[in-house]
Protein backbone atom coordinates (compact mmCIF):
# COMPACT_ATOMS: atom_id res chain seq x y z
CA MET A 1 92.16 90.26 47.56
CA ASP A 2 88.50 89.58 46.52
CA PRO A 3 87.59 86.50 45.00
CA SER A 4 86.52 88.00 42.00
CA THR A 5 89.68 89.92 41.38
CA LEU A 6 91.73 86.84 42.20
CA GLU A 7 89.52 84.67 39.47
CA ARG A 8 90.01 87.51 37.00
CA LEU A 9 93.92 87.42 37.89
CA ILE A 10 93.92 83.49 37.81
CA VAL A 11 92.19 83.44 34.41
CA LYS A 12 94.86 86.35 32.81
CA GLU A 13 97.84 83.95 33.88
CA ILE A 14 96.56 80.91 32.48
CA ARG A 15 95.68 82.55 29.50
CA LYS A 16 99.20 83.86 28.99
CA ALA A 17 101.20 81.20 29.97
CA ARG A 18 102.20 78.10 28.17
CA GLU A 19 101.94 75.51 31.07
CA ILE A 20 101.15 76.78 34.43
CA SER A 21 100.05 74.83 37.63
CA ARG A 22 98.48 75.98 40.89
CA ARG A 23 101.96 76.01 42.46
CA ASP A 24 102.62 78.55 39.49
CA LEU A 25 99.86 80.38 40.09
CA ALA A 26 100.52 81.17 43.69
CA ASP A 27 104.08 82.22 42.84
CA ARG A 28 103.13 84.78 40.43
CA LEU A 29 100.41 86.16 42.09
CA GLY A 30 101.80 86.16 45.64
CA ILE A 31 99.36 84.54 47.22
CA ALA A 32 99.37 81.14 49.62
CA LYS A 33 99.47 77.83 47.73
CA SER A 34 96.51 76.64 49.75
CA THR A 35 94.45 79.78 48.81
CA ALA A 36 95.26 79.16 45.01
CA GLY A 37 94.28 75.41 45.20
CA ARG A 38 91.21 76.39 46.92
CA ARG A 39 90.23 79.04 44.17
CA ILE A 40 91.12 76.78 41.26
CA ASP A 41 89.08 74.16 42.71
CA ALA A 42 85.93 76.20 42.97
CA MET A 43 86.72 77.55 39.59
CA ILE A 44 86.90 73.88 38.21
CA GLU A 45 83.80 73.20 39.69
CA ARG A 46 82.27 76.15 38.19
CA GLY A 47 83.35 74.77 34.43
CA ILE A 48 85.73 77.97 34.21
CA VAL A 49 88.97 76.26 34.65
CA ARG A 50 90.01 72.58 33.69
CA GLU A 51 93.04 70.14 34.30
CA THR A 52 94.66 69.12 31.29
CA GLY A 53 97.42 66.71 32.28
CA ILE A 54 100.38 66.01 34.62
CA GLU A 55 104.14 66.96 33.73
CA GLU A 56 106.12 64.35 32.45
CA PHE A 57 109.29 64.50 34.42
CA LYS A 58 109.79 65.76 38.17
CA ARG A 59 112.84 65.31 39.68
CA VAL A 60 111.77 65.57 43.45
CA GLY A 61 108.18 66.52 44.97
CA ARG A 62 104.73 65.75 43.48
CA PRO A 63 104.14 66.47 39.45
CA ARG A 64 102.82 69.93 38.99
CA ARG A 65 98.78 69.36 37.40
CA PHE A 66 98.80 71.61 34.23
CA LEU A 67 95.61 73.93 33.98
CA ASP A 68 93.89 75.69 31.26
CA THR A 69 90.60 77.68 30.63
CA ARG A 70 87.39 76.05 29.33
CA GLY A 71 86.09 77.60 25.89
CA SER A 72 82.90 76.77 26.44
CA TYR A 73 82.56 78.99 29.05
CA GLY A 74 81.71 82.07 27.24
CA CYS A 75 83.01 84.17 24.17
CA TYR A 76 84.05 87.82 23.43
CA ALA A 77 83.87 89.77 20.24
CA GLY A 78 86.62 92.12 19.02
CA PHE A 79 86.36 94.86 16.09
CA ASP A 80 88.81 96.65 14.50
CA PHE A 81 88.36 99.47 11.54
CA ASP A 82 90.11 102.15 9.61
CA ALA A 83 88.78 103.97 6.47
CA ARG A 84 88.77 100.86 4.16
CA HIS A 85 87.57 97.87 6.21
CA LEU A 86 86.18 96.66 9.50
CA HIS A 87 87.17 93.45 10.78
CA ALA A 88 85.55 91.51 13.51
CA VAL A 89 86.23 88.17 15.35
CA LEU A 90 84.61 86.04 18.12
CA ILE A 91 86.90 83.92 20.40
CA ASP A 92 86.06 81.61 23.00
CA PHE A 93 86.88 81.61 26.78
CA SER A 94 90.14 80.02 25.75
CA GLN A 95 90.96 82.42 23.21
CA GLN A 96 90.34 80.03 20.28
CA VAL A 97 88.61 81.79 17.22
CA VAL A 98 85.22 80.91 16.62
CA GLU A 99 84.40 83.15 13.78
CA ARG A 100 86.17 86.14 11.60
CA ARG A 101 84.34 88.94 9.52
CA MET A 102 85.51 91.59 7.15
CA VAL A 103 83.37 94.41 5.91
CA ARG A 104 84.72 96.43 2.89
CA LEU A 105 83.28 99.96 3.76
CA SER A 106 82.53 102.54 1.11
CA SER A 107 84.88 104.63 -0.64
CA GLN A 108 84.08 107.68 1.80
CA PRO A 109 82.65 106.05 4.98
CA ASP A 110 80.64 108.00 7.49
CA ARG A 111 80.09 107.55 10.96
CA ASP A 112 76.30 106.14 10.77
CA GLU A 113 77.80 103.25 7.73
CA VAL A 114 80.38 101.98 10.57
CA LEU A 115 78.22 102.08 13.40
CA ALA A 116 75.44 100.17 11.52
CA HIS A 117 78.18 97.50 10.99
CA LEU A 118 79.19 97.13 14.49
CA ARG A 119 75.38 97.04 15.85
CA GLN A 120 74.44 94.26 13.15
CA ILE A 121 77.61 91.87 13.91
CA ILE A 122 77.34 92.48 17.58
CA SER A 123 73.75 91.38 17.35
CA GLU A 124 74.59 88.51 15.42
CA PHE A 125 77.52 87.42 17.66
CA ARG A 126 75.12 87.52 20.60
CA ALA A 127 72.71 84.90 18.82
CA HIS A 128 75.78 82.78 17.83
CA PRO A 129 74.61 79.00 17.54
CA VAL A 130 78.05 77.65 18.93
CA ALA A 131 79.61 80.62 21.25
CA SER A 132 77.64 82.01 24.14
CA PRO A 133 77.02 83.82 26.31
CA LEU A 134 78.82 87.00 24.67
CA LEU A 135 80.63 87.84 27.82
CA ALA A 136 82.13 91.10 26.46
CA VAL A 137 83.08 93.36 23.33
CA GLY A 138 86.28 95.11 22.70
CA ILE A 139 86.88 97.77 19.69
CA GLY A 140 90.12 98.58 18.05
CA VAL A 141 89.11 102.44 17.24
CA PRO A 142 91.31 104.42 15.14
CA GLY A 143 93.01 107.95 16.29
CA HIS A 144 92.45 109.16 19.93
CA VAL A 145 90.32 107.62 22.33
CA ARG A 146 89.51 108.13 25.92
CA ARG A 147 88.99 104.53 27.24
CA GLU A 148 87.39 105.02 30.57
CA SER A 149 84.70 106.94 29.04
CA ARG A 150 84.41 104.76 25.94
CA LEU A 151 84.41 107.62 23.55
CA SER A 152 86.17 107.71 20.60
CA VAL A 153 87.59 111.37 20.19
CA TYR A 154 88.08 111.86 16.39
CA TYR A 155 89.08 110.23 13.13
CA PRO A 156 89.47 112.35 10.20
CA PHE A 157 89.02 109.86 7.43
CA ILE A 158 85.39 108.74 8.49
CA THR A 159 82.95 111.49 7.86
CA GLY A 160 81.72 112.69 11.04
CA TRP A 161 83.46 110.50 13.23
CA ARG A 162 84.08 112.71 16.13
CA ASN A 163 83.06 112.06 19.98
CA VAL A 164 81.57 108.85 19.46
CA ASP A 165 80.21 107.43 22.50
CA LEU A 166 80.51 103.85 21.76
CA ALA A 167 78.68 102.50 24.83
CA VAL A 168 75.89 104.71 24.07
CA GLU A 169 75.45 104.56 20.33
CA LEU A 170 75.98 100.38 20.54
CA GLU A 171 73.91 100.18 23.78
CA ILE A 172 76.50 98.27 25.50
CA ASP A 173 76.87 98.47 29.45
CA PRO A 174 80.16 100.03 29.43
CA SER A 175 81.10 97.55 32.20
CA VAL A 176 81.43 94.77 29.60
CA LEU A 177 82.55 97.47 26.42
CA HIS A 178 86.31 98.15 26.28
CA ILE A 179 87.90 100.42 23.53
CA GLU A 180 91.49 100.88 22.52
CA ASN A 181 93.51 102.88 19.75
CA ASN A 182 93.43 100.19 16.95
CA THR A 183 97.36 100.23 16.96
CA ARG A 184 97.55 99.35 20.71
CA ALA A 185 95.13 96.66 19.92
CA ILE A 186 97.15 95.17 17.14
CA LEU A 187 100.16 94.92 19.56
CA LEU A 188 97.63 93.56 22.11
CA GLY A 189 96.80 90.98 19.78
CA GLU A 190 100.59 90.00 19.30
CA TYR A 191 101.48 90.06 23.15
CA TRP A 192 98.52 88.06 23.81
CA LEU A 193 98.13 85.44 20.70
CA GLY A 194 101.19 86.07 18.58
CA PRO A 195 104.23 83.76 18.22
CA LEU A 196 106.19 85.88 20.38
CA ALA A 197 103.52 86.03 23.26
CA THR A 198 106.22 85.50 26.00
CA ALA A 199 108.03 88.65 25.15
CA SER A 200 107.66 91.75 27.39
CA ASN A 201 108.83 94.50 25.29
CA LEU A 202 107.11 94.84 21.78
CA VAL A 203 106.47 97.55 19.53
CA CYS A 204 103.90 97.97 16.55
CA ILE A 205 104.11 100.50 13.54
CA ASN A 206 100.75 100.47 12.04
CA VAL A 207 100.76 102.42 8.65
CA ARG A 208 97.16 102.76 7.12
CA THR A 209 95.65 105.99 6.14
CA GLY A 210 97.41 107.45 9.16
CA ILE A 211 100.59 106.11 10.97
CA ALA A 212 100.73 105.65 14.57
CA ALA A 213 102.87 103.41 16.85
CA ALA A 214 102.27 101.49 20.05
CA VAL A 215 104.49 100.09 22.91
CA ILE A 216 104.52 97.37 25.39
CA ALA A 217 107.14 97.80 27.88
CA ASN A 218 107.97 95.37 30.80
CA GLY A 219 104.53 93.69 30.08
CA SER A 220 102.46 97.06 30.07
CA LEU A 221 100.96 98.49 27.54
CA ILE A 222 101.89 102.41 27.23
CA ALA A 223 98.92 104.79 26.72
CA GLY A 224 100.53 107.91 28.21
CA GLU A 225 98.97 110.70 30.46
CA HIS A 226 96.47 112.10 28.00
CA GLU A 227 96.30 108.63 26.07
CA MET A 228 98.29 110.02 23.02
CA ALA A 229 101.48 107.76 23.37
CA GLY A 230 102.21 106.35 19.96
CA GLU A 231 100.89 109.40 17.95
CA ILE A 232 104.08 109.52 15.73
CA ARG A 233 102.32 110.82 12.74
CA GLY A 234 103.90 114.17 13.27
CA TRP A 235 107.58 113.03 13.29
CA PRO A 236 109.64 115.60 11.14
CA VAL A 237 111.35 114.06 8.27
CA SER A 238 113.44 115.47 5.65
CA ASN A 239 112.50 118.77 3.49
CA ASP A 240 110.05 119.99 6.64
CA ASP A 241 107.87 117.34 6.07
CA TRP A 242 106.41 115.09 8.51
CA LEU A 243 106.05 111.09 8.61
CA GLU A 244 102.48 110.76 7.94
CA LYS A 245 102.59 113.33 4.95
CA VAL A 246 105.21 111.28 2.90
CA ALA A 247 105.13 108.03 4.09
CA SER A 248 101.46 106.82 4.67
CA VAL A 249 99.46 104.77 2.43
CA ARG A 250 97.49 107.70 1.40
CA ALA A 251 100.62 109.33 0.72
CA VAL A 252 102.04 107.03 -1.70
CA ILE A 253 98.92 107.10 -3.88
CA ASP A 254 98.75 111.03 -4.10
CA GLY A 255 95.76 111.51 -1.53
CA GLU A 256 93.37 108.97 -3.41
CA PRO A 257 90.67 107.09 -1.16
CA LEU A 258 92.12 103.73 0.02
CA GLY A 259 89.24 101.97 -1.73
CA SER A 260 90.22 103.15 -4.92
CA ASP A 261 92.09 101.38 -7.14
CA ARG A 262 95.32 103.30 -6.90
CA TRP A 263 96.66 101.10 -4.11
CA SER A 264 96.21 97.82 -6.07
CA GLU A 265 98.16 99.45 -8.90
CA PHE A 266 100.75 100.41 -7.04
CA VAL A 267 101.34 97.15 -5.22
CA ASN A 268 101.32 95.22 -8.75
CA ALA A 269 103.70 97.55 -10.09
CA CYS A 270 106.09 96.83 -7.22
CA ARG A 271 105.69 93.37 -7.90
CA GLU A 272 106.27 93.41 -11.45
CA GLY A 273 109.78 95.03 -10.73
CA ASP A 274 108.42 98.85 -11.89
CA GLU A 275 111.21 101.09 -11.15
CA THR A 276 109.31 104.15 -10.23
CA ALA A 277 107.13 102.15 -8.13
CA LEU A 278 109.82 100.49 -6.11
CA GLY A 279 111.54 104.14 -5.75
CA THR A 280 108.64 105.22 -4.14
CA LEU A 281 108.32 101.99 -1.95
CA SER A 282 111.81 102.52 -0.71
CA SER A 283 111.40 106.05 0.07
CA ALA A 284 108.54 105.13 2.48
CA ALA A 285 109.92 101.96 3.68
CA SER A 286 113.29 104.18 4.76
CA HIS A 287 111.03 106.40 6.88
CA HIS A 288 109.17 103.58 8.03
CA GLY A 289 112.49 102.04 9.46
CA ALA A 290 113.68 105.20 10.81
CA ALA A 291 110.84 105.66 12.83
CA ALA A 292 111.32 102.03 14.09
CA ALA A 293 114.79 102.84 14.74
CA ARG A 294 113.98 105.79 17.21
CA LEU A 295 111.52 103.71 18.94
CA VAL A 296 114.25 100.71 19.38
CA GLN A 297 116.61 103.32 21.00
CA VAL A 298 113.82 104.20 23.52
CA ILE A 299 112.00 100.93 24.24
CA ASP A 300 114.93 98.21 23.42
CA PRO A 301 112.35 95.76 22.14
CA LEU A 302 112.57 92.20 21.18
CA ALA A 303 110.66 92.82 17.95
CA VAL A 304 109.09 95.61 15.92
CA PHE A 305 105.67 94.58 13.93
CA LEU A 306 104.72 96.37 11.03
CA ALA A 307 100.65 96.51 9.95
CA GLY A 308 99.04 97.76 7.41
CA PRO A 309 98.48 97.48 3.55
CA PHE A 310 102.47 97.82 3.08
CA THR A 311 103.01 94.43 4.39
CA GLU A 312 101.13 92.64 1.60
CA LEU A 313 104.28 93.36 -0.54
CA GLU A 314 106.10 91.17 2.17
CA GLY A 315 109.84 90.63 1.67
CA LEU A 316 109.85 93.70 -0.99
CA TYR A 317 108.64 95.95 1.82
CA LEU A 318 109.93 94.43 5.11
CA ASP A 319 113.81 93.93 3.53
CA ARG A 320 113.71 97.35 3.01
CA VAL A 321 112.57 98.53 6.50
CA ARG A 322 115.13 96.17 7.87
CA ALA A 323 117.79 97.84 5.91
CA ALA A 324 116.45 101.06 7.03
CA VAL A 325 116.74 99.99 10.46
CA VAL A 326 120.36 98.75 10.35
CA ALA A 327 121.66 101.76 8.70
CA ALA A 328 120.05 104.08 11.49
CA LEU A 329 121.09 102.21 14.50
CA GLU A 330 124.70 101.83 12.96
CA GLY A 331 127.31 102.92 15.67
CA HIS A 332 124.33 103.36 18.30
CA TYR A 333 124.89 100.47 20.44
CA PHE A 334 122.08 98.66 19.43
CA ASN A 335 121.48 95.17 17.64
CA PRO A 336 118.55 95.56 15.26
CA PRO A 337 115.53 93.87 16.56
CA HIS A 338 113.07 91.30 14.83
CA ILE A 339 111.22 93.42 12.11
CA LEU A 340 108.17 91.34 11.25
CA ALA A 341 104.99 91.81 9.63
CA ALA A 342 101.85 91.43 12.32
CA SER A 343 101.65 87.70 12.59
CA LEU A 344 97.90 87.79 13.21
CA GLY A 345 97.41 89.37 9.88
CA ASP A 346 94.49 91.56 9.10
CA CYS A 347 92.49 90.16 12.11
CA ALA A 348 95.37 91.54 14.37
CA GLY A 349 93.55 94.45 15.82
CA ALA A 350 90.23 92.42 16.22
CA LEU A 351 91.75 89.87 18.15
CA GLY A 352 93.92 92.36 20.23
CA ALA A 353 90.38 93.84 21.25
CA ALA A 354 88.89 90.82 22.04
CA ALA A 355 91.62 89.63 24.06
CA LEU A 356 91.53 93.28 25.76
CA ALA A 357 88.01 92.48 26.77
CA ALA A 358 88.67 88.98 28.26
CA ALA A 359 91.68 90.40 30.28
CA GLU A 360 89.83 93.46 31.46
CA VAL A 361 85.97 92.45 31.93
CA PRO A 362 85.56 90.70 35.34
CA LEU A 363 83.84 87.11 35.07
CA PRO A 364 79.84 87.15 35.65
CA ALA A 365 79.04 87.65 38.99
CA GLY A 366 77.73 84.60 40.76
CA ALA A 367 78.89 82.24 37.84
């Protein structure tokens, strides 16, 4: 294994672990302890890694010296957007948040508007007075993506958003730009930075203008042969309808733009106990729960995260989804997994995109 690849794997293991030593790294990476030790010493000397302390109790042998990354080594930018908002984060080398941004898009956003916001924030992050240099950029993109070519294929709710070459449009070297479907980016955020970060099997269902799912199975994000894994929008439901048509945010507000007042009116009506609004909520939640139950039977995850505006309703929504999951799994041998709102909030996708960039982009040559 060449030194550059080994260093990137070492950094990934340190970021993922709660506590890790040279010995642990050697075991996990299948390399000699002497090799791990020499590489770690070199990385400490260069300011990439630091020792954080010695374990308190050890029955036999020498105590382990724990390792961590140095936040000051550099930073990563992450973005996530849909037809309503663009979220941006800047994280340091240890994946601590340096800055968060949220931009509310116009009621009918177009390609130029979104790209202009991305360019502006990237420029500002590059010049950030605290976190530098900017090592890489990750973007969670709605709809179908082609990750290797950094191409966002199509998203119908942003005018003109078709075959957008993000590396070209943002003038970023493809080697330091990574893109991912934004639902998968949300799940990556939970996998790297959330409270269940030690889990290997997780699911996310993202309900916004559309509906999509993401899966991490045995520690690997599933993209699929054509990078279409998780496109569950067309799953059939009752009366010959499909999931996105009857249970997306847009469906609930009768096709109104998400920037309109209709969604806020619906949320307030639910909170005030309006029977019609709660009936609409129950119907949508039952469909989301049924979709979650199907995924549970395929993946057997520890948890299903729900993301998107419905989670603003907290227990009013989540309890209905949980009940639907229990009902759908009854008699099918599965214990219902944890059904949780995405713990990282509105920035989950941006954080996941930044973590993706941090995990995939090699360290600067000769650093």
